[in-house]
N, C-alpha and C. Protein backbone atom coordinates (compact mmCIF):
# COMPACT_ATOMS: atom_id res chain seq x y z
N MET A 1 35.23 4.06 -10.12
CA MET A 1 36.55 4.32 -9.63
C MET A 1 36.53 5.18 -8.36
N PRO A 2 35.72 6.24 -8.29
CA PRO A 2 35.69 7.05 -7.09
C PRO A 2 35.23 6.24 -5.87
N THR A 3 34.37 5.25 -6.07
CA THR A 3 33.90 4.44 -4.96
C THR A 3 35.06 3.62 -4.38
N ARG A 4 35.87 3.08 -5.27
CA ARG A 4 37.02 2.30 -4.83
C ARG A 4 37.99 3.18 -4.03
N HIS A 5 38.19 4.38 -4.48
CA HIS A 5 39.08 5.33 -3.82
C HIS A 5 38.54 5.68 -2.43
N ARG A 6 37.23 5.93 -2.34
CA ARG A 6 36.61 6.24 -1.04
C ARG A 6 36.72 5.07 -0.08
N ARG A 7 36.51 3.87 -0.60
CA ARG A 7 36.59 2.67 0.23
C ARG A 7 38.01 2.50 0.76
N ALA A 8 39.01 2.71 -0.06
CA ALA A 8 40.41 2.59 0.36
C ALA A 8 40.73 3.63 1.43
N LEU A 9 40.22 4.87 1.23
CA LEU A 9 40.44 5.91 2.24
C LEU A 9 39.74 5.56 3.55
N ALA A 10 38.56 5.01 3.48
CA ALA A 10 37.82 4.62 4.68
C ALA A 10 38.56 3.52 5.44
N VAL A 11 39.06 2.53 4.73
CA VAL A 11 39.82 1.44 5.36
C VAL A 11 41.09 1.99 6.00
N ALA A 12 41.82 2.83 5.27
CA ALA A 12 43.05 3.42 5.80
C ALA A 12 42.75 4.27 7.03
N GLY A 13 41.66 5.05 6.97
CA GLY A 13 41.27 5.88 8.11
C GLY A 13 40.92 5.04 9.33
N THR A 14 40.22 3.93 9.11
CA THR A 14 39.85 3.04 10.21
C THR A 14 41.09 2.42 10.85
N ILE A 15 42.02 1.97 10.03
CA ILE A 15 43.26 1.39 10.54
C ILE A 15 44.06 2.42 11.33
N LEU A 16 44.15 3.62 10.79
CA LEU A 16 44.87 4.69 11.47
C LEU A 16 44.22 5.02 12.81
N ALA A 17 42.90 5.11 12.84
CA ALA A 17 42.18 5.41 14.09
C ALA A 17 42.42 4.31 15.12
N ALA A 18 42.36 3.06 14.69
CA ALA A 18 42.60 1.95 15.61
C ALA A 18 44.02 1.99 16.16
N LEU A 19 44.98 2.29 15.31
CA LEU A 19 46.37 2.39 15.73
C LEU A 19 46.54 3.51 16.76
N LEU A 20 45.92 4.64 16.51
CA LEU A 20 46.01 5.76 17.44
C LEU A 20 45.38 5.42 18.79
N VAL A 21 44.27 4.69 18.78
CA VAL A 21 43.62 4.28 20.03
C VAL A 21 44.55 3.36 20.82
N VAL A 22 45.15 2.38 20.15
CA VAL A 22 46.06 1.44 20.83
C VAL A 22 47.26 2.18 21.40
N LEU A 23 47.88 3.05 20.60
CA LEU A 23 49.04 3.80 21.08
C LEU A 23 48.66 4.74 22.22
N GLY A 24 47.49 5.34 22.13
CA GLY A 24 47.03 6.21 23.21
C GLY A 24 46.82 5.45 24.51
N LEU A 25 46.23 4.28 24.41
CA LEU A 25 46.04 3.47 25.62
C LEU A 25 47.37 3.06 26.23
N LYS A 26 48.33 2.71 25.38
CA LYS A 26 49.65 2.34 25.88
C LYS A 26 50.33 3.52 26.56
N ALA A 27 50.22 4.69 25.95
CA ALA A 27 50.89 5.87 26.49
C ALA A 27 50.30 6.32 27.82
N PHE A 28 49.00 6.10 28.01
CA PHE A 28 48.35 6.58 29.21
C PHE A 28 48.02 5.47 30.20
N ASP A 29 48.59 4.30 30.01
CA ASP A 29 48.34 3.17 30.90
C ASP A 29 49.17 3.33 32.16
N ARG A 30 48.57 3.90 33.18
CA ARG A 30 49.29 4.13 34.43
C ARG A 30 49.20 2.94 35.38
N ASP A 31 48.36 1.96 35.07
CA ASP A 31 48.24 0.79 35.92
C ASP A 31 49.41 -0.16 35.74
N ALA A 32 50.07 -0.12 34.60
CA ALA A 32 51.19 -1.03 34.33
C ALA A 32 52.34 -0.27 33.70
N PRO A 33 53.00 0.61 34.48
CA PRO A 33 54.11 1.36 33.91
C PRO A 33 55.29 0.43 33.61
N TYR A 34 56.16 0.88 32.72
CA TYR A 34 57.35 0.11 32.36
C TYR A 34 58.20 -0.12 33.61
N ASP A 35 58.62 -1.35 33.79
CA ASP A 35 59.46 -1.70 34.93
C ASP A 35 60.82 -2.16 34.42
N PRO A 36 61.87 -1.36 34.64
CA PRO A 36 63.20 -1.76 34.17
C PRO A 36 63.77 -2.93 34.98
N CYS A 37 63.13 -3.27 36.09
CA CYS A 37 63.60 -4.35 36.95
C CYS A 37 62.47 -5.35 37.19
N PRO A 38 62.08 -6.10 36.17
CA PRO A 38 60.97 -7.05 36.36
C PRO A 38 61.33 -8.11 37.39
N PRO A 39 60.33 -8.75 37.99
CA PRO A 39 60.62 -9.78 38.99
C PRO A 39 61.49 -10.88 38.37
N PRO A 40 62.44 -11.39 39.16
CA PRO A 40 63.34 -12.40 38.61
C PRO A 40 62.65 -13.74 38.38
N THR A 41 63.09 -14.42 37.36
CA THR A 41 62.65 -15.78 37.08
C THR A 41 63.87 -16.68 37.19
N ALA A 42 63.78 -17.71 38.00
CA ALA A 42 64.92 -18.59 38.22
C ALA A 42 65.32 -19.30 36.93
N ALA A 43 66.62 -19.43 36.74
CA ALA A 43 67.15 -20.15 35.58
C ALA A 43 66.75 -21.61 35.68
N PRO A 44 66.49 -22.25 34.55
CA PRO A 44 66.15 -23.67 34.57
C PRO A 44 67.35 -24.52 35.00
N PRO A 45 67.09 -25.72 35.55
CA PRO A 45 68.18 -26.59 36.00
C PRO A 45 69.22 -26.88 34.92
N ALA A 46 68.82 -26.96 33.67
CA ALA A 46 69.78 -27.21 32.59
C ALA A 46 70.82 -26.09 32.51
N GLN A 47 70.42 -24.87 32.83
CA GLN A 47 71.36 -23.76 32.83
C GLN A 47 72.22 -23.76 34.09
N THR A 48 71.61 -23.94 35.25
CA THR A 48 72.40 -23.90 36.49
C THR A 48 73.41 -25.05 36.54
N ALA A 49 73.16 -26.11 35.79
CA ALA A 49 74.12 -27.22 35.72
C ALA A 49 75.41 -26.79 35.03
N LEU A 50 75.39 -25.69 34.30
CA LEU A 50 76.57 -25.18 33.62
C LEU A 50 77.53 -24.45 34.56
N MET A 51 77.07 -24.13 35.77
CA MET A 51 77.91 -23.41 36.73
C MET A 51 79.06 -24.30 37.18
N PRO A 52 80.22 -23.70 37.50
CA PRO A 52 81.36 -24.50 37.97
C PRO A 52 81.00 -25.29 39.23
N ALA A 53 81.59 -26.46 39.37
CA ALA A 53 81.36 -27.30 40.55
C ALA A 53 81.70 -26.51 41.81
N GLY A 54 80.82 -26.57 42.78
CA GLY A 54 81.03 -25.88 44.04
C GLY A 54 80.47 -24.47 44.11
N LEU A 55 80.10 -23.90 42.96
CA LEU A 55 79.55 -22.54 42.95
C LEU A 55 78.06 -22.59 43.24
N SER A 56 77.66 -21.89 44.29
CA SER A 56 76.26 -21.85 44.67
C SER A 56 75.87 -20.42 45.03
N PHE A 57 74.72 -20.01 44.55
CA PHE A 57 74.18 -18.69 44.90
C PHE A 57 73.06 -18.81 45.92
N ASP A 58 72.93 -19.95 46.56
CA ASP A 58 71.86 -20.18 47.53
C ASP A 58 71.81 -19.11 48.62
N ARG A 59 72.96 -18.66 49.10
CA ARG A 59 72.99 -17.65 50.17
C ARG A 59 72.94 -16.23 49.62
N ILE A 60 73.03 -16.10 48.29
CA ILE A 60 73.12 -14.76 47.68
C ILE A 60 71.78 -14.29 47.16
N GLY A 61 71.19 -15.06 46.23
CA GLY A 61 69.95 -14.64 45.60
C GLY A 61 69.52 -15.63 44.54
N THR A 62 68.77 -15.15 43.58
CA THR A 62 68.19 -15.99 42.53
C THR A 62 69.05 -15.93 41.27
N VAL A 63 69.52 -17.09 40.82
CA VAL A 63 70.23 -17.17 39.54
C VAL A 63 69.16 -17.12 38.45
N THR A 64 69.28 -16.16 37.54
CA THR A 64 68.27 -15.97 36.51
C THR A 64 68.71 -16.46 35.13
N HIS A 65 70.01 -16.58 34.90
CA HIS A 65 70.49 -17.01 33.59
C HIS A 65 71.93 -17.49 33.72
N VAL A 66 72.23 -18.60 33.04
CA VAL A 66 73.61 -19.10 32.99
C VAL A 66 73.87 -19.51 31.55
N ARG A 67 75.03 -19.14 31.06
CA ARG A 67 75.44 -19.63 29.75
C ARG A 67 76.93 -19.88 29.78
N LYS A 68 77.35 -20.71 28.86
CA LYS A 68 78.74 -21.10 28.81
C LYS A 68 79.25 -20.92 27.39
N SER A 69 80.40 -20.30 27.27
CA SER A 69 81.05 -20.19 25.96
C SER A 69 82.21 -21.17 25.96
N GLU A 70 83.04 -21.07 24.97
CA GLU A 70 84.17 -21.98 24.86
C GLU A 70 85.09 -21.91 26.08
N ARG A 71 85.31 -20.72 26.61
CA ARG A 71 86.26 -20.55 27.71
C ARG A 71 85.69 -19.89 28.96
N HIS A 72 84.42 -19.48 28.94
CA HIS A 72 83.86 -18.73 30.06
C HIS A 72 82.50 -19.25 30.47
N VAL A 73 82.18 -19.02 31.75
CA VAL A 73 80.85 -19.28 32.28
C VAL A 73 80.31 -17.93 32.73
N MET A 74 79.09 -17.58 32.28
CA MET A 74 78.47 -16.32 32.64
C MET A 74 77.20 -16.58 33.44
N VAL A 75 77.11 -15.95 34.60
CA VAL A 75 75.98 -16.14 35.50
C VAL A 75 75.34 -14.79 35.77
N ARG A 76 74.02 -14.74 35.64
CA ARG A 76 73.26 -13.55 36.03
C ARG A 76 72.40 -13.94 37.21
N ALA A 77 72.30 -13.01 38.17
CA ALA A 77 71.51 -13.27 39.37
C ALA A 77 71.00 -11.95 39.91
N VAL A 78 70.07 -12.03 40.84
CA VAL A 78 69.56 -10.85 41.54
C VAL A 78 69.51 -11.15 43.03
N THR A 79 69.63 -10.09 43.82
CA THR A 79 69.54 -10.22 45.26
C THR A 79 68.95 -8.94 45.85
N THR A 80 68.40 -9.07 47.04
CA THR A 80 67.91 -7.90 47.76
C THR A 80 68.76 -7.64 49.00
N LYS A 81 69.83 -8.39 49.15
CA LYS A 81 70.74 -8.18 50.29
C LYS A 81 71.51 -6.88 50.09
N PRO A 82 72.02 -6.29 51.17
CA PRO A 82 72.81 -5.06 51.03
C PRO A 82 74.07 -5.30 50.19
N LEU A 83 74.54 -4.26 49.54
CA LEU A 83 75.68 -4.37 48.63
C LEU A 83 76.92 -4.94 49.31
N ASP A 84 77.27 -4.43 50.48
CA ASP A 84 78.48 -4.92 51.17
C ASP A 84 78.38 -6.42 51.46
N GLU A 85 77.24 -6.86 51.93
CA GLU A 85 77.03 -8.28 52.22
C GLU A 85 77.08 -9.10 50.93
N THR A 86 76.49 -8.58 49.88
CA THR A 86 76.45 -9.28 48.60
C THR A 86 77.85 -9.53 48.06
N THR A 87 78.72 -8.52 48.11
CA THR A 87 80.08 -8.69 47.58
C THR A 87 80.85 -9.75 48.37
N ILE A 88 80.67 -9.79 49.67
CA ILE A 88 81.35 -10.80 50.50
C ILE A 88 80.80 -12.19 50.18
N LEU A 89 79.48 -12.30 50.04
CA LEU A 89 78.88 -13.60 49.73
C LEU A 89 79.30 -14.11 48.35
N ILE A 90 79.43 -13.20 47.39
CA ILE A 90 79.91 -13.60 46.06
C ILE A 90 81.34 -14.10 46.17
N GLN A 91 82.16 -13.37 46.89
CA GLN A 91 83.56 -13.78 47.07
C GLN A 91 83.63 -15.16 47.70
N ASP A 92 82.83 -15.40 48.73
CA ASP A 92 82.81 -16.71 49.39
C ASP A 92 82.35 -17.82 48.44
N ALA A 93 81.30 -17.54 47.66
CA ALA A 93 80.75 -18.55 46.75
C ALA A 93 81.75 -18.92 45.65
N VAL A 94 82.40 -17.92 45.08
CA VAL A 94 83.35 -18.19 44.00
C VAL A 94 84.62 -18.86 44.55
N THR A 95 85.03 -18.48 45.75
CA THR A 95 86.17 -19.13 46.39
C THR A 95 85.87 -20.60 46.65
N ALA A 96 84.63 -20.92 47.05
CA ALA A 96 84.23 -22.31 47.28
C ALA A 96 84.29 -23.14 46.00
N ALA A 97 84.24 -22.47 44.85
CA ALA A 97 84.32 -23.16 43.55
C ALA A 97 85.76 -23.30 43.06
N GLY A 98 86.73 -22.90 43.90
CA GLY A 98 88.13 -23.11 43.55
C GLY A 98 88.87 -21.91 42.99
N TYR A 99 88.25 -20.77 42.96
CA TYR A 99 88.91 -19.55 42.49
C TYR A 99 89.46 -18.80 43.70
N ARG A 100 90.37 -17.87 43.44
CA ARG A 100 90.92 -17.07 44.54
C ARG A 100 90.48 -15.63 44.40
N PRO A 101 90.15 -14.97 45.52
CA PRO A 101 89.79 -13.55 45.44
C PRO A 101 91.02 -12.74 45.04
N ALA A 102 90.80 -11.71 44.22
CA ALA A 102 91.93 -10.89 43.76
C ALA A 102 91.68 -9.40 43.98
N GLY A 103 90.62 -9.06 44.67
CA GLY A 103 90.36 -7.66 44.94
C GLY A 103 88.90 -7.32 44.78
N MET A 104 88.58 -6.12 45.25
CA MET A 104 87.20 -5.68 45.24
C MET A 104 87.18 -4.16 45.11
N ASP A 105 86.20 -3.64 44.41
CA ASP A 105 86.01 -2.21 44.28
C ASP A 105 84.54 -1.93 44.54
N ASN A 106 84.25 -1.28 45.67
CA ASN A 106 82.88 -1.00 46.05
C ASN A 106 82.70 0.51 46.14
N GLU A 107 81.87 1.04 45.24
CA GLU A 107 81.64 2.48 45.20
C GLU A 107 80.33 2.89 45.86
N GLY A 108 79.64 1.93 46.46
CA GLY A 108 78.39 2.24 47.14
C GLY A 108 77.16 2.11 46.27
N PHE A 109 77.28 2.41 44.98
CA PHE A 109 76.15 2.27 44.06
C PHE A 109 76.37 1.11 43.09
N GLU A 110 77.60 0.61 43.01
CA GLU A 110 77.94 -0.58 42.25
C GLU A 110 79.25 -1.11 42.82
N ALA A 111 79.53 -2.38 42.53
CA ALA A 111 80.76 -2.97 43.02
C ALA A 111 81.26 -4.02 42.04
N GLU A 112 82.57 -4.26 42.07
CA GLU A 112 83.18 -5.32 41.29
C GLU A 112 84.01 -6.18 42.24
N VAL A 113 83.99 -7.49 41.99
CA VAL A 113 84.79 -8.44 42.75
C VAL A 113 85.61 -9.21 41.71
N PHE A 114 86.93 -9.31 41.92
CA PHE A 114 87.83 -9.92 40.95
C PHE A 114 88.36 -11.25 41.48
N PHE A 115 88.66 -12.17 40.53
CA PHE A 115 89.11 -13.51 40.90
C PHE A 115 90.27 -13.95 40.02
N THR A 116 91.09 -14.85 40.57
CA THR A 116 92.18 -15.45 39.82
C THR A 116 92.10 -16.96 39.98
N THR A 117 92.85 -17.65 39.15
CA THR A 117 93.05 -19.09 39.29
C THR A 117 94.47 -19.35 38.80
N ARG A 118 95.24 -20.04 39.58
CA ARG A 118 96.66 -20.23 39.30
C ARG A 118 97.29 -18.86 39.02
N THR A 119 97.79 -18.66 37.85
CA THR A 119 98.44 -17.38 37.53
C THR A 119 97.60 -16.52 36.60
N TYR A 120 96.35 -16.90 36.38
CA TYR A 120 95.49 -16.19 35.42
C TYR A 120 94.45 -15.33 36.12
N ALA A 121 94.16 -14.19 35.50
CA ALA A 121 92.97 -13.44 35.90
C ALA A 121 91.81 -14.33 35.47
N ALA A 122 90.90 -14.62 36.38
CA ALA A 122 89.90 -15.65 36.09
C ALA A 122 88.47 -15.18 36.15
N GLY A 123 88.22 -13.94 36.53
CA GLY A 123 86.82 -13.55 36.53
C GLY A 123 86.53 -12.24 37.21
N LEU A 124 85.27 -11.86 37.05
CA LEU A 124 84.77 -10.61 37.59
C LEU A 124 83.29 -10.75 37.88
N ALA A 125 82.89 -10.26 39.03
CA ALA A 125 81.47 -10.13 39.35
C ALA A 125 81.17 -8.65 39.44
N ARG A 126 80.17 -8.19 38.71
CA ARG A 126 79.74 -6.78 38.76
C ARG A 126 78.35 -6.76 39.38
N VAL A 127 78.19 -5.91 40.39
CA VAL A 127 76.92 -5.79 41.10
C VAL A 127 76.42 -4.36 40.91
N ARG A 128 75.20 -4.24 40.35
CA ARG A 128 74.63 -2.91 40.08
C ARG A 128 73.22 -2.83 40.63
N ARG A 129 72.85 -1.64 41.09
CA ARG A 129 71.51 -1.41 41.63
C ARG A 129 70.48 -1.35 40.51
N CYS A 130 69.35 -1.95 40.79
CA CYS A 130 68.18 -1.82 39.92
C CYS A 130 66.99 -1.64 40.86
N ARG A 131 66.69 -0.39 41.12
CA ARG A 131 65.65 -0.02 42.09
C ARG A 131 65.93 -0.61 43.46
N SER A 132 65.08 -1.53 43.93
CA SER A 132 65.24 -2.05 45.30
C SER A 132 66.02 -3.35 45.35
N ARG A 133 66.73 -3.69 44.29
CA ARG A 133 67.51 -4.93 44.30
C ARG A 133 68.86 -4.68 43.63
N TRP A 134 69.69 -5.70 43.64
CA TRP A 134 71.00 -5.65 43.01
C TRP A 134 71.07 -6.71 41.93
N ASP A 135 71.50 -6.32 40.74
CA ASP A 135 71.71 -7.26 39.63
C ASP A 135 73.18 -7.67 39.63
N ILE A 136 73.43 -8.95 39.49
CA ILE A 136 74.78 -9.50 39.53
C ILE A 136 75.11 -10.11 38.16
N ASP A 137 76.24 -9.72 37.61
CA ASP A 137 76.77 -10.32 36.38
C ASP A 137 78.13 -10.89 36.73
N LEU A 138 78.26 -12.19 36.64
CA LEU A 138 79.50 -12.89 36.98
C LEU A 138 80.04 -13.56 35.73
N VAL A 139 81.31 -13.34 35.44
CA VAL A 139 81.98 -14.01 34.33
C VAL A 139 83.22 -14.68 34.90
N LEU A 140 83.32 -15.99 34.69
CA LEU A 140 84.47 -16.76 35.19
C LEU A 140 85.14 -17.51 34.05
N LEU A 141 86.44 -17.60 34.11
CA LEU A 141 87.19 -18.46 33.20
C LEU A 141 86.83 -19.89 33.56
N ASP A 142 86.47 -20.67 32.58
CA ASP A 142 86.13 -22.08 32.82
C ASP A 142 87.43 -22.84 33.04
N ARG A 143 87.69 -23.24 34.27
CA ARG A 143 88.96 -23.90 34.61
C ARG A 143 89.09 -25.27 33.95
N ASN A 144 87.99 -25.85 33.50
CA ASN A 144 88.03 -27.16 32.85
C ASN A 144 88.16 -27.08 31.34
N ALA A 145 88.10 -25.86 30.80
CA ALA A 145 88.20 -25.70 29.34
C ALA A 145 89.64 -25.91 28.89
N ALA A 146 89.77 -26.40 27.70
CA ALA A 146 91.11 -26.58 27.13
C ALA A 146 91.76 -25.22 26.95
N PRO A 147 93.06 -25.13 27.17
CA PRO A 147 93.72 -23.84 26.96
C PRO A 147 93.61 -23.42 25.51
N PRO A 148 93.60 -22.12 25.27
CA PRO A 148 93.48 -21.65 23.88
C PRO A 148 94.68 -22.11 23.06
N ARG A 149 94.40 -22.38 21.80
CA ARG A 149 95.49 -22.77 20.91
C ARG A 149 96.36 -21.56 20.65
N THR A 150 97.65 -21.80 20.64
CA THR A 150 98.55 -20.72 20.31
C THR A 150 99.29 -21.08 19.04
N THR A 151 99.53 -20.10 18.26
CA THR A 151 100.26 -20.31 17.02
C THR A 151 101.71 -19.99 17.29
N PRO A 152 102.62 -20.93 17.00
CA PRO A 152 104.03 -20.62 17.25
C PRO A 152 104.47 -19.41 16.42
N THR A 153 105.24 -18.59 17.05
CA THR A 153 105.75 -17.43 16.33
C THR A 153 107.18 -17.71 15.89
N THR A 154 107.51 -17.22 14.76
CA THR A 154 108.87 -17.39 14.29
C THR A 154 109.49 -16.03 14.12
N THR A 155 110.72 -15.96 14.42
CA THR A 155 111.42 -14.69 14.27
C THR A 155 112.47 -14.86 13.17
N THR A 156 112.64 -13.83 12.46
CA THR A 156 113.64 -13.86 11.41
C THR A 156 114.68 -12.77 11.69
N SER A 157 115.91 -13.09 11.39
CA SER A 157 116.95 -12.10 11.66
C SER A 157 117.39 -11.45 10.38
């Protein structure tokens, strides 16, 4: 029985030592520090096909992700262009897709660009700094989506 106990302690000690070595190497790995802004990877064509007709980020930067919900299209992109230029290019790109500009808020370290369509608030682009680049999050109302179902309300007197 004591031999079994010693063997279990030896195995546990070996595993613990190996774990400590791995964690130590990770903690002191200065050749590959954590990068909160990894290099962008372009979204696959199947995703970019979800973007509204006429919307192009060719003059802005790299589209990295596109997804579509029942009523919205969400686009993520990155650019290295200056913030002021980026907000104007986003406004131009979204306007070319049939939306109307509705305002802009540029604070120098981040910016928002707002859009409408007909009488609806139709979207927002948020641009935020990530080290030497700008991350863009665009959410647009899908103009081709069916309007939301409404439940008739009844009033009683």
